[in-house]
Amino acid sequence: MSSEASINARVENLSHEEIQGSFHGVAARIDRLPSGKFQRRAMWLIGGVCFCDCLDMNVGGPIIAELLASGWSDAGLNSLFVSITAFGYLCGGLMAGMVSDYFGRVKACIVNTLIFSAGCIGACLAPDMYFLIAMRFVMGIGLGAAYPAGYSALTEYTPPTKRGQYQAWVGLIANCGTPFASFVSLVLLPMFGWRAIFVFCGVAGFIVAILLVKFMEESPRWLAMKHRYQEASALVAKWEDEARKAGHDVQEVPDELIEAEMARREVKQLPTKVLFTNKELFKRLIVACVLCWTNFVCVYTIVSWTPTIFVTRGFDVTYSVAMSVVINLGIPVGVAIMSALIDKFPRKVHLCITLPLSGVAGFAWSMIPADQTILIMAVGFVMAALVYYWSLIVSSVYLSEPFPTEVKVRGAGIANAFGRIGAILNPMWITYFLATDLGAVGIFGVSFATAVVAAIVVGVLGVETKGKTLEQINDGVFTEEEIRALNS
């Protein structure tokens, strides 16, 4: 019997409960649910995980500026500190897909957040810069894995018409960590020193992990993919009951619609190699890799190196951190605007417009004379808002949407890891330009060129995902021959 005939035979013999509890049944039932408590709960919890990521990434800049000014470190070790953080993120990103796809979305977020907290506690006890760099690597592993695992997981809980908005809200929660990190650094650095900052971050991560254990529910899509159909169906039924109690009319998905999807392809764990052997998925992986590279190059330049750039231009550490706080206030503003607009226009339109605009703003900012502090902060505010507008679309919305559930986090994790390579190499050309007359102009010239290239790649190769279910986005990804192979 052919694989197609075998699937049809299985479908015909299934009961109503089995059809509704299948992967396609669970997915269809989630997609037509109204916004409810479980989605908001997942949004806040995953937002907490990503908040820790932004907090960690943004305290690094003020800390290394302080270490440089105090003589505890030098420019070379600071460069290694930033690069090893990115290398930890790279390793964590590669690990994210395996942990999340094989062991569950919730377990991945919990374990990765605890790894980060352990690294923070180790960092606050560091006897020298080399030990601190090693602990920074551990922190990077934890959050490098938590970041794609968290954002990718949320796509599986939310309906297509609200998915972008929920992802954007997580981005807004997360990136409030950026100005908050600057504020914490401004308060704790002069009063208690840099070790206190790591204690603060470690405690924050531990609290988030406890909340995940207590309140986070596993993705029904993941459960169904693992053939844990009864658990998946029971969880969706619970959410359906919550929606009905809230006054919503939740209609049952007709068996015929689910059966039509079930007859097309059996959903099961796919090998990682399918991301490279399938032409459409490989094209999507290329787009995701380019966007992640651009994301980390541009974001790291702003959040990790702006205080150091100010110090090299003659500002003291406290004043440079204070200026960075003002600039970083543009981040939640940009994210908030994006949250309101994300589901109103196609994803590709957002990216193709804001990517080059942010590059122009950064290049203009780099040429402002050092004595024009008000102008530096004003243009920097706009630059940060633009960068984080498209950055959050990349990381929280567009990164994981194009990949099927079966390889979603691995696809996002590989792209995320590739982007971290850009963050690893980024300090090399930054330290080079800081030692030349070009300085910030050269640094932000690279960011501008990178952003323009990314916009072109998205425009040419990117797939539009706005308003589509996760399953619709992947319609036609596999050829008939590949479907037969996957079903066999």
Protein backbone atom coordinates (compact mmCIF):
# COMPACT_ATOMS: atom_id res chain seq x y z
CA MET A 1 0.00 0.00 0.00
CA SER A 2 1.37 3.49 -0.89
CA SER A 3 2.10 5.97 1.86
CA GLU A 4 -0.81 8.17 0.67
CA ALA A 5 -3.21 5.23 0.71
CA SER A 6 -1.93 4.19 4.11
CA ILE A 7 -2.62 7.67 5.53
CA ASN A 8 -6.09 7.75 3.95
CA ALA A 9 -6.86 4.37 5.47
CA ARG A 10 -5.80 5.56 8.92
CA VAL A 11 -7.83 8.75 8.61
CA GLU A 12 -10.98 6.86 7.59
CA ASN A 13 -10.76 4.67 10.70
CA LEU A 14 -10.29 7.51 13.17
CA SER A 15 -13.01 8.55 15.59
CA HIS A 16 -14.22 12.14 15.99
CA GLU A 17 -12.12 12.56 19.16
CA GLU A 18 -8.99 11.23 17.43
CA ILE A 19 -9.46 13.57 14.46
CA GLN A 20 -9.95 16.57 16.74
CA GLY A 21 -6.90 15.54 18.78
CA SER A 22 -4.59 15.01 15.80
CA PHE A 23 -1.83 17.50 15.02
CA HIS A 24 -3.90 19.17 12.29
CA GLY A 25 -6.96 19.14 14.53
CA VAL A 26 -5.11 20.73 17.42
CA ALA A 27 -3.53 23.34 15.14
CA ALA A 28 -6.88 24.28 13.55
CA ARG A 29 -8.57 24.56 16.95
CA ILE A 30 -5.83 26.83 18.32
CA ASP A 31 -5.91 29.06 15.24
CA ARG A 32 -9.62 29.85 15.59
CA LEU A 33 -9.51 30.50 19.35
CA PRO A 34 -10.04 34.12 20.44
CA SER A 35 -7.41 35.89 22.51
CA GLY A 36 -7.50 34.50 26.03
CA LYS A 37 -5.73 34.03 29.34
CA PHE A 38 -3.43 31.25 28.13
CA GLN A 39 -2.06 33.39 25.31
CA ARG A 40 -1.49 36.38 27.55
CA ARG A 41 0.11 34.13 30.17
CA ALA A 42 2.47 32.66 27.57
CA MET A 43 3.21 36.17 26.27
CA TRP A 44 4.25 37.49 29.69
CA LEU A 45 6.28 34.42 30.62
CA ILE A 46 8.16 34.25 27.32
CA GLY A 47 8.51 38.03 27.52
CA GLY A 48 10.22 37.51 30.87
CA VAL A 49 12.72 35.10 29.33
CA CYS A 50 13.50 37.53 26.53
CA PHE A 51 13.62 40.44 29.02
CA CYS A 52 16.52 38.64 30.72
CA ASP A 53 18.23 38.34 27.34
CA CYS A 54 17.96 42.08 26.67
CA LEU A 55 18.98 42.89 30.24
CA ASP A 56 22.07 40.72 29.93
CA MET A 57 23.05 42.02 26.51
CA ASN A 58 22.75 45.66 27.53
CA VAL A 59 24.57 45.60 30.86
CA GLY A 60 27.69 44.38 29.07
CA GLY A 61 28.47 47.77 27.49
CA PRO A 62 28.51 49.85 30.70
CA ILE A 63 30.36 47.08 32.56
CA ILE A 64 33.24 46.85 30.09
CA ALA A 65 33.42 50.65 29.93
CA GLU A 66 33.80 50.69 33.73
CA LEU A 67 36.34 47.85 33.65
CA LEU A 68 38.36 49.76 31.05
CA ALA A 69 38.24 53.03 33.00
CA SER A 70 39.22 51.34 36.29
CA GLY A 71 42.14 49.44 34.74
CA TRP A 72 40.64 46.01 35.62
CA SER A 73 40.56 45.27 31.89
CA ASP A 74 41.91 46.65 28.63
CA ALA A 75 40.57 47.16 25.10
CA GLY A 76 41.74 43.73 23.97
CA LEU A 77 40.11 41.87 26.86
CA ASN A 78 36.94 43.95 26.45
CA SER A 79 36.83 42.91 22.82
CA LEU A 80 37.23 39.27 23.89
CA PHE A 81 34.47 39.76 26.50
CA VAL A 82 32.02 40.91 23.81
CA SER A 83 33.09 38.25 21.31
CA ILE A 84 32.91 35.38 23.81
CA THR A 85 29.41 36.50 24.78
CA ALA A 86 28.40 36.25 21.15
CA PHE A 87 30.14 32.87 20.83
CA GLY A 88 28.13 31.63 23.82
CA TYR A 89 24.98 32.89 22.11
CA LEU A 90 26.04 31.03 18.98
CA CYS A 91 26.47 27.74 20.85
CA GLY A 92 23.22 28.30 22.69
CA GLY A 93 21.38 29.04 19.45
CA LEU A 94 22.54 25.75 17.97
CA MET A 95 21.52 23.97 21.17
CA ALA A 96 18.10 25.66 21.29
CA GLY A 97 16.58 23.69 18.45
CA MET A 98 17.64 20.29 19.75
CA VAL A 99 16.45 20.93 23.31
CA SER A 100 13.19 22.61 22.29
CA ASP A 101 12.22 20.31 19.41
CA TYR A 102 13.10 17.10 21.23
CA PHE A 103 12.32 17.87 24.90
CA GLY A 104 9.65 20.57 24.76
CA ARG A 105 9.23 24.33 24.52
CA VAL A 106 8.73 24.84 28.26
CA LYS A 107 11.66 22.68 29.41
CA ALA A 108 13.93 24.47 26.95
CA CYS A 109 13.01 27.90 28.35
CA ILE A 110 13.43 26.75 31.97
CA VAL A 111 16.78 25.01 31.52
CA ASN A 112 18.26 27.78 29.42
CA THR A 113 17.20 30.50 31.85
CA LEU A 114 18.75 28.57 34.76
CA ILE A 115 22.03 28.22 32.84
CA PHE A 116 22.07 32.00 32.42
CA SER A 117 21.42 32.56 36.14
CA ALA A 118 24.25 30.19 37.10
CA GLY A 119 26.62 32.12 34.81
CA CYS A 120 25.59 35.41 36.43
CA ILE A 121 26.31 34.13 39.94
CA GLY A 122 29.70 32.86 38.78
CA ALA A 123 30.46 36.23 37.16
CA CYS A 124 29.82 38.20 40.34
CA LEU A 125 32.49 36.05 42.06
CA ALA A 126 35.08 36.42 39.26
CA PRO A 127 38.65 36.87 40.62
CA ASP A 128 39.96 38.23 37.32
CA MET A 129 38.92 39.21 33.80
CA TYR A 130 39.61 35.79 32.32
CA PHE A 131 37.24 34.05 34.74
CA LEU A 132 34.63 36.76 34.06
CA ILE A 133 34.95 36.10 30.32
CA ALA A 134 34.44 32.36 30.93
CA MET A 135 31.26 33.04 32.94
CA ARG A 136 30.10 35.38 30.22
CA PHE A 137 30.32 32.43 27.83
CA VAL A 138 28.04 30.39 30.14
CA MET A 139 25.54 33.26 30.26
CA GLY A 140 25.64 33.44 26.49
CA ILE A 141 24.86 29.73 26.13
CA GLY A 142 21.79 30.04 28.34
CA LEU A 143 20.26 33.08 26.72
CA GLY A 144 21.44 32.19 23.23
CA ALA A 145 19.24 29.11 23.50
CA ALA A 146 16.36 30.78 25.37
CA TYR A 147 15.96 33.61 22.87
CA PRO A 148 14.94 31.62 19.73
CA ALA A 149 13.19 28.96 21.82
CA GLY A 150 10.98 31.55 23.50
CA TYR A 151 10.00 33.58 20.45
CA SER A 152 9.46 30.48 18.32
CA ALA A 153 7.29 28.83 20.96
CA LEU A 154 4.88 31.76 21.15
CA THR A 155 3.98 31.44 17.45
CA GLU A 156 2.43 28.05 18.27
CA TYR A 157 0.00 29.49 20.84
CA THR A 158 -1.44 32.44 18.91
CA PRO A 159 -3.95 32.76 16.03
CA PRO A 160 -2.70 34.08 12.65
CA THR A 161 -4.63 37.35 12.83
CA LYS A 162 -3.02 38.25 16.17
CA ARG A 163 0.30 36.41 15.94
CA GLY A 164 2.36 39.40 14.88
CA GLN A 165 0.87 41.58 17.59
CA TYR A 166 1.53 39.04 20.34
CA GLN A 167 5.10 38.55 19.12
CA ALA A 168 5.56 42.32 19.04
CA TRP A 169 4.24 42.65 22.60
CA VAL A 170 6.81 40.09 23.73
CA GLY A 171 9.40 42.19 21.95
CA LEU A 172 8.15 45.28 23.76
CA ILE A 173 8.34 43.51 27.14
CA ALA A 174 11.79 42.16 26.30
CA ASN A 175 13.23 45.40 25.05
CA CYS A 176 12.08 47.38 28.02
CA GLY A 177 15.10 45.51 29.40
CA THR A 178 17.40 47.71 27.32
CA PRO A 179 16.70 51.11 28.92
CA PHE A 180 16.12 49.31 32.23
CA ALA A 181 19.61 47.81 31.95
CA SER A 182 21.06 51.28 31.33
CA PHE A 183 19.18 52.63 34.37
CA VAL A 184 20.33 49.72 36.57
CA SER A 185 23.90 50.29 35.40
CA LEU A 186 23.61 54.01 36.10
CA VAL A 187 22.45 53.29 39.68
CA LEU A 188 24.40 50.18 40.64
CA LEU A 189 27.77 50.87 38.98
CA PRO A 190 28.72 53.95 41.03
CA MET A 191 27.06 52.70 44.25
CA PHE A 192 27.92 48.98 44.40
CA GLY A 193 30.15 48.19 41.42
CA TRP A 194 29.74 45.87 38.43
CA ARG A 195 29.44 42.67 40.48
CA ALA A 196 26.08 43.82 41.85
CA ILE A 197 24.74 44.05 38.30
CA PHE A 198 25.43 40.36 37.70
CA VAL A 199 23.75 39.46 41.01
CA PHE A 200 20.69 41.44 39.92
CA CYS A 201 20.57 39.69 36.52
CA GLY A 202 21.02 36.24 38.04
CA VAL A 203 18.19 36.75 40.54
CA ALA A 204 15.93 38.04 37.74
CA GLY A 205 16.62 34.92 35.66
CA PHE A 206 15.95 32.61 38.61
CA ILE A 207 12.59 34.30 39.30
CA VAL A 208 11.57 33.88 35.65
CA ALA A 209 12.51 30.18 35.75
CA ILE A 210 10.32 29.63 38.83
CA LEU A 211 7.39 31.36 37.13
CA LEU A 212 7.86 29.18 34.04
CA VAL A 213 7.76 26.02 36.15
CA LYS A 214 4.59 27.13 37.91
CA PHE A 215 2.55 28.75 35.13
CA MET A 216 3.81 27.86 31.62
CA GLU A 217 1.82 25.25 29.67
CA GLU A 218 3.42 23.17 26.93
CA SER A 219 2.67 23.90 23.27
CA PRO A 220 -0.15 21.58 22.07
CA ARG A 221 1.38 21.63 18.60
CA TRP A 222 4.61 20.22 20.02
CA LEU A 223 2.72 17.62 22.09
CA ALA A 224 0.76 16.49 19.02
CA MET A 225 3.93 16.35 16.93
CA LYS A 226 5.32 13.99 19.57
CA HIS A 227 2.13 11.85 19.25
CA ARG A 228 0.96 12.90 22.72
CA TYR A 229 -2.47 13.55 21.24
CA GLN A 230 -4.58 13.16 24.38
CA GLU A 231 -2.48 15.70 26.30
CA ALA A 232 -2.57 18.14 23.39
CA SER A 233 -6.33 17.82 22.89
CA ALA A 234 -7.05 18.11 26.62
CA LEU A 235 -5.01 21.31 26.83
CA VAL A 236 -6.81 22.88 23.86
CA ALA A 237 -10.16 21.77 25.31
CA LYS A 238 -9.26 23.55 28.55
CA TRP A 239 -8.56 26.76 26.62
CA GLU A 240 -11.80 26.35 24.66
CA ASP A 241 -13.74 26.08 27.93
CA GLU A 242 -12.00 29.21 29.24
CA ALA A 243 -13.01 31.08 26.08
CA ARG A 244 -16.64 29.94 26.37
CA LYS A 245 -16.78 30.98 30.03
CA ALA A 246 -15.48 34.40 28.95
CA GLY A 247 -18.50 34.73 26.63
CA HIS A 248 -16.96 33.73 23.30
CA ASP A 249 -18.77 31.48 20.84
CA VAL A 250 -16.18 28.79 20.10
CA GLN A 251 -17.31 26.64 17.19
CA GLU A 252 -15.96 23.15 16.60
CA VAL A 253 -13.72 22.68 13.56
CA PRO A 254 -15.45 20.31 11.09
CA ASP A 255 -13.82 16.88 10.87
CA GLU A 256 -13.82 17.13 7.07
CA LEU A 257 -11.47 20.12 7.09
CA ILE A 258 -9.07 18.38 9.46
CA GLU A 259 -9.19 15.13 7.48
CA ALA A 260 -8.27 17.00 4.29
CA GLU A 261 -5.12 18.29 5.99
CA MET A 262 -4.34 14.91 7.57
CA ALA A 263 -4.54 13.21 4.16
CA ARG A 264 -1.89 15.51 2.72
CA ARG A 265 1.02 14.84 5.07
CA GLU A 266 1.66 13.15 8.36
CA VAL A 267 3.32 15.54 10.83
CA LYS A 268 6.28 14.02 12.61
CA GLN A 269 9.76 14.97 13.77
CA LEU A 270 11.91 15.90 10.77
CA PRO A 271 15.69 15.64 10.55
CA THR A 272 17.67 18.89 10.62
CA LYS A 273 19.07 18.17 7.16
CA VAL A 274 15.68 18.97 5.60
CA LEU A 275 16.49 22.66 6.18
CA PHE A 276 19.39 22.28 3.75
CA THR A 277 18.04 19.70 1.29
CA ASN A 278 14.61 21.26 0.70
CA LYS A 279 15.03 24.18 -1.73
CA GLU A 280 12.26 26.36 -0.29
CA LEU A 281 13.32 25.84 3.33
CA PHE A 282 16.96 26.46 2.43
CA LYS A 283 15.98 29.76 0.79
CA ARG A 284 14.08 30.72 3.93
CA LEU A 285 17.06 29.70 6.05
CA ILE A 286 19.32 32.00 3.98
CA VAL A 287 16.95 34.94 4.52
CA ALA A 288 16.76 34.20 8.26
CA CYS A 289 20.57 33.95 8.52
CA VAL A 290 21.13 37.26 6.71
CA LEU A 291 18.53 39.01 8.88
CA CYS A 292 20.02 37.61 12.10
CA TRP A 293 23.54 38.62 11.01
CA THR A 294 22.32 42.17 10.34
CA ASN A 295 20.33 42.22 13.55
CA PHE A 296 23.22 41.34 15.83
CA VAL A 297 25.77 43.50 14.01
CA CYS A 298 23.58 46.62 14.25
CA VAL A 299 22.14 46.00 17.71
CA TYR A 300 25.46 45.05 19.31
CA THR A 301 27.06 48.14 17.80
CA ILE A 302 24.51 50.34 19.57
CA VAL A 303 24.00 48.62 22.92
CA SER A 304 27.45 47.14 23.58
CA TRP A 305 29.76 49.75 22.12
CA THR A 306 28.02 53.14 22.41
CA PRO A 307 29.32 53.78 25.98
CA THR A 308 32.85 52.82 24.89
CA ILE A 309 32.59 55.07 21.81
CA PHE A 310 31.62 57.94 24.12
CA VAL A 311 34.57 57.21 26.42
CA THR A 312 37.00 57.26 23.48
CA ARG A 313 35.55 60.65 22.47
CA GLY A 314 36.40 62.15 25.85
CA PHE A 315 33.26 61.61 27.98
CA ASP A 316 33.58 60.06 31.44
CA VAL A 317 31.91 56.71 32.15
CA THR A 318 28.96 58.07 34.18
CA TYR A 319 28.12 60.72 31.58
CA SER A 320 28.47 58.26 28.70
CA VAL A 321 26.12 55.81 30.42
CA ALA A 322 23.63 58.62 31.08
CA MET A 323 23.68 59.58 27.38
CA SER A 324 23.20 55.92 26.49
CA VAL A 325 20.10 55.81 28.72
CA VAL A 326 18.53 58.66 26.73
CA ILE A 327 19.40 57.03 23.41
CA ASN A 328 18.09 53.66 24.56
CA LEU A 329 14.73 55.20 25.44
CA GLY A 330 14.15 55.16 21.69
CA ILE A 331 14.08 51.36 21.82
CA PRO A 332 10.70 50.85 23.56
CA VAL A 333 9.29 53.74 21.49
CA GLY A 334 10.29 52.01 18.23
CA VAL A 335 8.99 48.68 19.48
CA ALA A 336 5.70 50.21 20.65
CA ILE A 337 5.10 51.79 17.23
CA MET A 338 5.95 48.48 15.57
CA SER A 339 3.51 46.67 17.88
CA ALA A 340 0.68 48.88 16.66
CA LEU A 341 1.56 48.53 12.97
CA ILE A 342 2.92 44.98 12.61
CA ASP A 343 -0.35 43.32 11.51
CA LYS A 344 -1.47 46.24 9.34
CA PHE A 345 1.19 45.90 6.64
CA PRO A 346 3.09 42.95 5.11
CA ARG A 347 6.19 41.86 7.01
CA LYS A 348 8.42 42.42 3.98
CA VAL A 349 7.24 46.03 3.60
CA HIS A 350 8.17 46.79 7.20
CA LEU A 351 11.65 45.31 6.77
CA CYS A 352 12.49 46.71 3.34
CA ILE A 353 11.68 50.26 4.47
CA THR A 354 13.05 50.42 8.01
CA LEU A 355 16.31 48.52 7.43
CA PRO A 356 17.89 51.13 5.12
CA LEU A 357 16.34 54.02 7.07
CA SER A 358 18.05 52.87 10.26
CA GLY A 359 21.35 52.66 8.37
CA VAL A 360 21.00 56.25 7.20
CA ALA A 361 20.16 57.42 10.74
CA GLY A 362 23.18 55.60 12.19
CA PHE A 363 25.55 56.99 9.60
CA ALA A 364 24.23 60.53 10.23
CA TRP A 365 24.59 60.04 14.00
CA SER A 366 28.23 59.00 13.65
CA MET A 367 29.15 62.31 11.97
CA ILE A 368 27.75 64.62 14.69
CA PRO A 369 30.55 66.55 16.46
CA ALA A 370 31.30 65.46 20.05
CA ASP A 371 30.36 68.86 21.50
CA GLN A 372 26.77 68.60 20.17
CA THR A 373 25.52 66.41 23.00
CA ILE A 374 21.82 67.29 22.62
CA LEU A 375 21.92 66.48 18.91
CA ILE A 376 23.85 63.26 19.62
CA MET A 377 21.13 62.10 22.01
CA ALA A 378 18.24 63.20 19.75
CA VAL A 379 19.51 61.54 16.58
CA GLY A 380 20.66 58.54 18.62
CA PHE A 381 17.13 58.22 20.00
CA VAL A 382 15.71 58.07 16.43
CA MET A 383 18.43 55.64 15.34
CA ALA A 384 17.67 53.27 18.25
CA ALA A 385 13.93 53.45 17.55
CA LEU A 386 14.41 52.57 13.87
CA VAL A 387 16.90 49.77 14.53
CA TYR A 388 14.69 48.12 17.11
CA TYR A 389 11.60 48.56 14.93
CA TRP A 390 12.96 46.11 12.37
CA SER A 391 15.09 44.16 14.86
CA LEU A 392 12.02 43.03 16.78
CA ILE A 393 10.23 42.07 13.56
CA VAL A 394 13.23 39.90 12.73
CA SER A 395 13.74 38.26 16.11
CA SER A 396 10.22 38.04 17.50
CA VAL A 397 8.01 37.75 14.40
CA TYR A 398 9.68 36.89 11.12
CA LEU A 399 12.48 34.60 12.28
CA SER A 400 10.41 31.54 13.15
CA GLU A 401 7.20 32.04 11.14
CA PRO A 402 8.52 30.62 7.83
CA PHE A 403 9.61 27.26 9.30
CA PRO A 404 7.33 24.23 9.88
CA THR A 405 6.60 23.20 13.47
CA GLU A 406 8.69 20.05 13.00
CA VAL A 407 11.91 22.06 12.54
CA LYS A 408 10.80 25.51 13.71
CA VAL A 409 13.19 26.09 16.60
CA ARG A 410 16.09 24.39 14.83
CA GLY A 411 15.61 26.68 11.83
CA ALA A 412 15.40 29.75 14.05
CA GLY A 413 18.29 28.49 16.18
CA ILE A 414 20.62 27.92 13.24
CA ALA A 415 19.84 31.38 11.85
CA ASN A 416 20.29 32.88 15.30
CA ALA A 417 23.63 31.12 15.69
CA PHE A 418 24.77 32.38 12.28
CA GLY A 419 23.84 35.90 13.33
CA ARG A 420 25.95 35.53 16.45
CA ILE A 421 28.98 35.03 14.21
CA GLY A 422 28.40 38.63 13.11
CA ALA A 423 28.38 39.66 16.76
CA ILE A 424 31.64 37.73 17.33
CA LEU A 425 33.37 39.44 14.41
CA ASN A 426 31.79 42.83 15.08
CA PRO A 427 34.28 43.89 17.81
CA MET A 428 37.16 43.27 15.42
CA TRP A 429 36.20 45.97 12.95
CA ILE A 430 34.90 48.23 15.72
CA THR A 431 38.23 48.19 17.58
CA TYR A 432 39.98 48.71 14.24
CA PHE A 433 37.92 51.79 13.36
CA LEU A 434 38.22 53.18 16.91
CA ALA A 435 41.99 53.19 16.43
CA THR A 436 41.72 55.15 13.15
CA ASP A 437 40.53 58.63 12.22
CA LEU A 438 37.28 57.20 10.85
CA GLY A 439 36.09 56.10 14.30
CA ALA A 440 32.29 55.97 14.60
CA VAL A 441 31.84 56.93 10.93
CA GLY A 442 33.55 53.72 9.82
CA ILE A 443 31.66 51.64 12.39
CA PHE A 444 28.23 52.87 11.35
CA GLY A 445 29.18 52.84 7.68
CA VAL A 446 29.50 49.05 7.99
CA SER A 447 26.11 48.88 9.71
CA PHE A 448 24.53 50.94 6.94
CA ALA A 449 25.90 48.68 4.18
CA THR A 450 24.81 45.57 6.08
CA ALA A 451 21.26 46.87 6.52
CA VAL A 452 20.89 47.72 2.82
CA VAL A 453 22.06 44.25 1.76
CA ALA A 454 19.58 42.64 4.19
CA ALA A 455 16.70 44.71 2.77
CA ILE A 456 17.55 43.53 -0.74
CA VAL A 457 17.73 39.86 0.34
CA VAL A 458 14.33 40.10 2.06
CA GLY A 459 12.78 41.81 -0.95
CA VAL A 460 14.06 39.19 -3.39
CA LEU A 461 13.97 35.91 -1.41
CA GLY A 462 11.66 36.55 1.56
CA VAL A 463 8.27 34.85 1.94
CA GLU A 464 5.26 36.85 3.17
CA THR A 465 3.68 35.47 6.36
CA LYS A 466 1.18 38.13 7.46
CA GLY A 467 -2.32 36.80 8.21
CA LYS A 468 -1.50 33.17 7.39
CA THR A 469 -1.66 30.17 9.71
CA LEU A 470 1.62 28.42 10.39
CA GLU A 471 0.39 25.55 8.24
CA GLN A 472 -0.64 27.85 5.35
CA ILE A 473 2.79 29.48 5.37
CA ASN A 474 4.28 26.07 4.66
CA ASP A 475 1.80 24.95 2.00
CA GLY A 476 3.78 23.96 -1.06
CA VAL A 477 7.11 23.83 0.75
CA PHE A 478 7.46 20.10 0.11
CA THR A 479 7.11 18.63 -3.37
CA GLU A 480 4.88 15.61 -3.96
CA GLU A 481 7.97 13.41 -4.09
CA GLU A 482 9.24 14.81 -0.77
CA ILE A 483 5.80 14.37 0.83
CA ARG A 484 5.78 10.71 -0.21
CA ALA A 485 9.24 10.28 1.27
CA LEU A 486 8.25 11.99 4.52
CA ASN A 487 5.05 9.95 4.80
CA SER A 488 6.80 6.65 4.24
